[in-house]
Amino acid sequence: MGVGDKFSNKAEELGGRAKESAGAASGDRDLQAEGQADQGKAGIKQGAEKLKDKANEAASKLTGNDKA
């Protein structure tokens, strides 16, 4: 995944935080839960992104195609 995906995932996380805060401030538990769910999805995507990056680094080292 590229930089655009990373920004998109971070934006989803921040949007989720905003929804959670708005829900908490207004007493809207559904909005608060939706915000928490958005943050969870973004966290999963970010974790998968990191795992993929590490796998690509390891593959590059094994094949001798590393840039370092």
C-alpha atoms as a PDB file:
ATOM      1  CA  MET A   1       0.000   0.000   0.000  1.00  0.00           C
ATOM      2  CA  GLY A   2       1.141   3.469  -0.706  1.00  0.00           C
ATOM      3  CA  VAL A   3       1.342   6.742   1.091  1.00  0.00           C
ATOM      4  CA  GLY A   4      -2.201   7.617   0.012  1.00  0.00           C
ATOM      5  CA  ASP A   5      -3.538   4.543   1.801  1.00  0.00           C
ATOM      6  CA  LYS A   6      -1.629   5.478   4.939  1.00  0.00           C
ATOM      7  CA  PHE A   7      -3.125   8.975   4.890  1.00  0.00           C
ATOM      8  CA  SER A   8      -6.583   7.536   4.259  1.00  0.00           C
ATOM      9  CA  ASN A   9      -6.257   5.171   7.212  1.00  0.00           C
ATOM     10  CA  LYS A  10      -5.083   7.982   9.483  1.00  0.00           C
ATOM     11  CA  ALA A  11      -7.950  10.195   8.306  1.00  0.00           C
ATOM     12  CA  GLU A  12     -10.406   7.396   9.097  1.00  0.00           C
ATOM     13  CA  GLU A  13      -8.908   7.079  12.581  1.00  0.00           C
ATOM     14  CA  LEU A  14      -9.142  10.815  13.222  1.00  0.00           C
ATOM     15  CA  GLY A  15     -12.697  10.911  11.888  1.00  0.00           C
ATOM     16  CA  GLY A  16     -13.567   8.106  14.265  1.00  0.00           C
ATOM     17  CA  ARG A  17     -12.115  10.043  17.173  1.00  0.00           C
ATOM     18  CA  ALA A  18     -14.167  13.060  16.195  1.00  0.00           C
ATOM     19  CA  LYS A  19     -17.358  10.975  15.997  1.00  0.00           C
ATOM     20  CA  GLU A  20     -16.621   9.373  19.347  1.00  0.00           C
ATOM     21  CA  SER A  21     -16.025  12.760  20.973  1.00  0.00           C
ATOM     22  CA  ALA A  22     -19.136  14.270  19.415  1.00  0.00           C
ATOM     23  CA  GLY A  23     -21.189  11.304  20.538  1.00  0.00           C
ATOM     24  CA  ALA A  24     -19.842  11.527  24.058  1.00  0.00           C
ATOM     25  CA  ALA A  25     -20.450  15.264  24.243  1.00  0.00           C
ATOM     26  CA  SER A  26     -24.024  15.004  22.955  1.00  0.00           C
ATOM     27  CA  GLY A  27     -24.931  11.790  24.744  1.00  0.00           C
ATOM     28  CA  ASP A  28     -25.416   9.964  21.434  1.00  0.00           C
ATOM     29  CA  ARG A  29     -24.162   6.476  22.232  1.00  0.00           C
ATOM     30  CA  ASP A  30     -24.718   5.249  18.671  1.00  0.00           C
ATOM     31  CA  LEU A  31     -22.453   7.962  17.260  1.00  0.00           C
ATOM     32  CA  GLN A  32     -19.901   7.283  19.964  1.00  0.00           C
ATOM     33  CA  ALA A  33     -19.909   3.558  19.148  1.00  0.00           C
ATOM     34  CA  GLU A  34     -19.653   4.293  15.423  1.00  0.00           C
ATOM     35  CA  GLY A  35     -16.592   6.430  16.102  1.00  0.00           C
ATOM     36  CA  GLN A  36     -14.999   3.649  18.122  1.00  0.00           C
ATOM     37  CA  ALA A  37     -15.712   1.184  15.319  1.00  0.00           C
ATOM     38  CA  ASP A  38     -14.136   3.516  12.754  1.00  0.00           C
ATOM     39  CA  GLN A  39     -11.030   3.768  14.912  1.00  0.00           C
ATOM     40  CA  GLY A  40     -10.884  -0.004  15.236  1.00  0.00           C
ATOM     41  CA  LYS A  41     -11.128  -0.511  11.473  1.00  0.00           C
ATOM     42  CA  ALA A  42      -8.429   2.077  10.875  1.00  0.00           C
ATOM     43  CA  GLY A  43      -6.193   0.398  13.456  1.00  0.00           C
ATOM     44  CA  ILE A  44      -6.592  -2.964  11.759  1.00  0.00           C
ATOM     45  CA  LYS A  45      -5.751  -1.427   8.388  1.00  0.00           C
ATOM     46  CA  GLN A  46      -2.693   0.301   9.845  1.00  0.00           C
ATOM     47  CA  GLY A  47      -1.531  -2.958  11.413  1.00  0.00           C
ATOM     48  CA  ALA A  48      -1.927  -4.784   8.121  1.00  0.00           C
ATOM     49  CA  GLU A  49      -0.005  -1.986   6.400  1.00  0.00           C
ATOM     50  CA  LYS A  50       2.901  -2.356   8.839  1.00  0.00           C
ATOM     51  CA  LEU A  51       2.899  -6.127   8.454  1.00  0.00           C
ATOM     52  CA  LYS A  52       2.967  -5.829   4.671  1.00  0.00           C
ATOM     53  CA  ASP A  53       5.828  -3.322   4.835  1.00  0.00           C
ATOM     54  CA  LYS A  54       7.842  -5.672   7.053  1.00  0.00           C
ATOM     55  CA  ALA A  55       7.147  -8.632   4.767  1.00  0.00           C
ATOM     56  CA  ASN A  56       8.299  -6.619   1.756  1.00  0.00           C
ATOM     57  CA  GLU A  57      11.476  -5.584   3.597  1.00  0.00           C
ATOM     58  CA  ALA A  58      12.224  -9.194   4.508  1.00  0.00           C
ATOM     59  CA  ALA A  59      11.572 -10.390   0.951  1.00  0.00           C
ATOM     60  CA  SER A  60      13.855  -7.692  -0.432  1.00  0.00           C
ATOM     61  CA  LYS A  61      16.651  -8.747   1.917  1.00  0.00           C
ATOM     62  CA  LEU A  62      16.244 -12.403   1.005  1.00  0.00           C
ATOM     63  CA  THR A  63      16.321 -11.720  -2.712  1.00  0.00           C
ATOM     64  CA  GLY A  64      19.138  -9.185  -2.478  1.00  0.00           C
ATOM     65  CA  ASN A  65      16.967  -6.373  -3.775  1.00  0.00           C
ATOM     66  CA  ASP A  66      17.202  -4.256  -0.634  1.00  0.00           C
ATOM     67  CA  LYS A  67      17.992  -0.583  -1.131  1.00  0.00           C
ATOM     68  CA  ALA A  68      20.276  -0.269   1.869  1.00  0.00           C
END
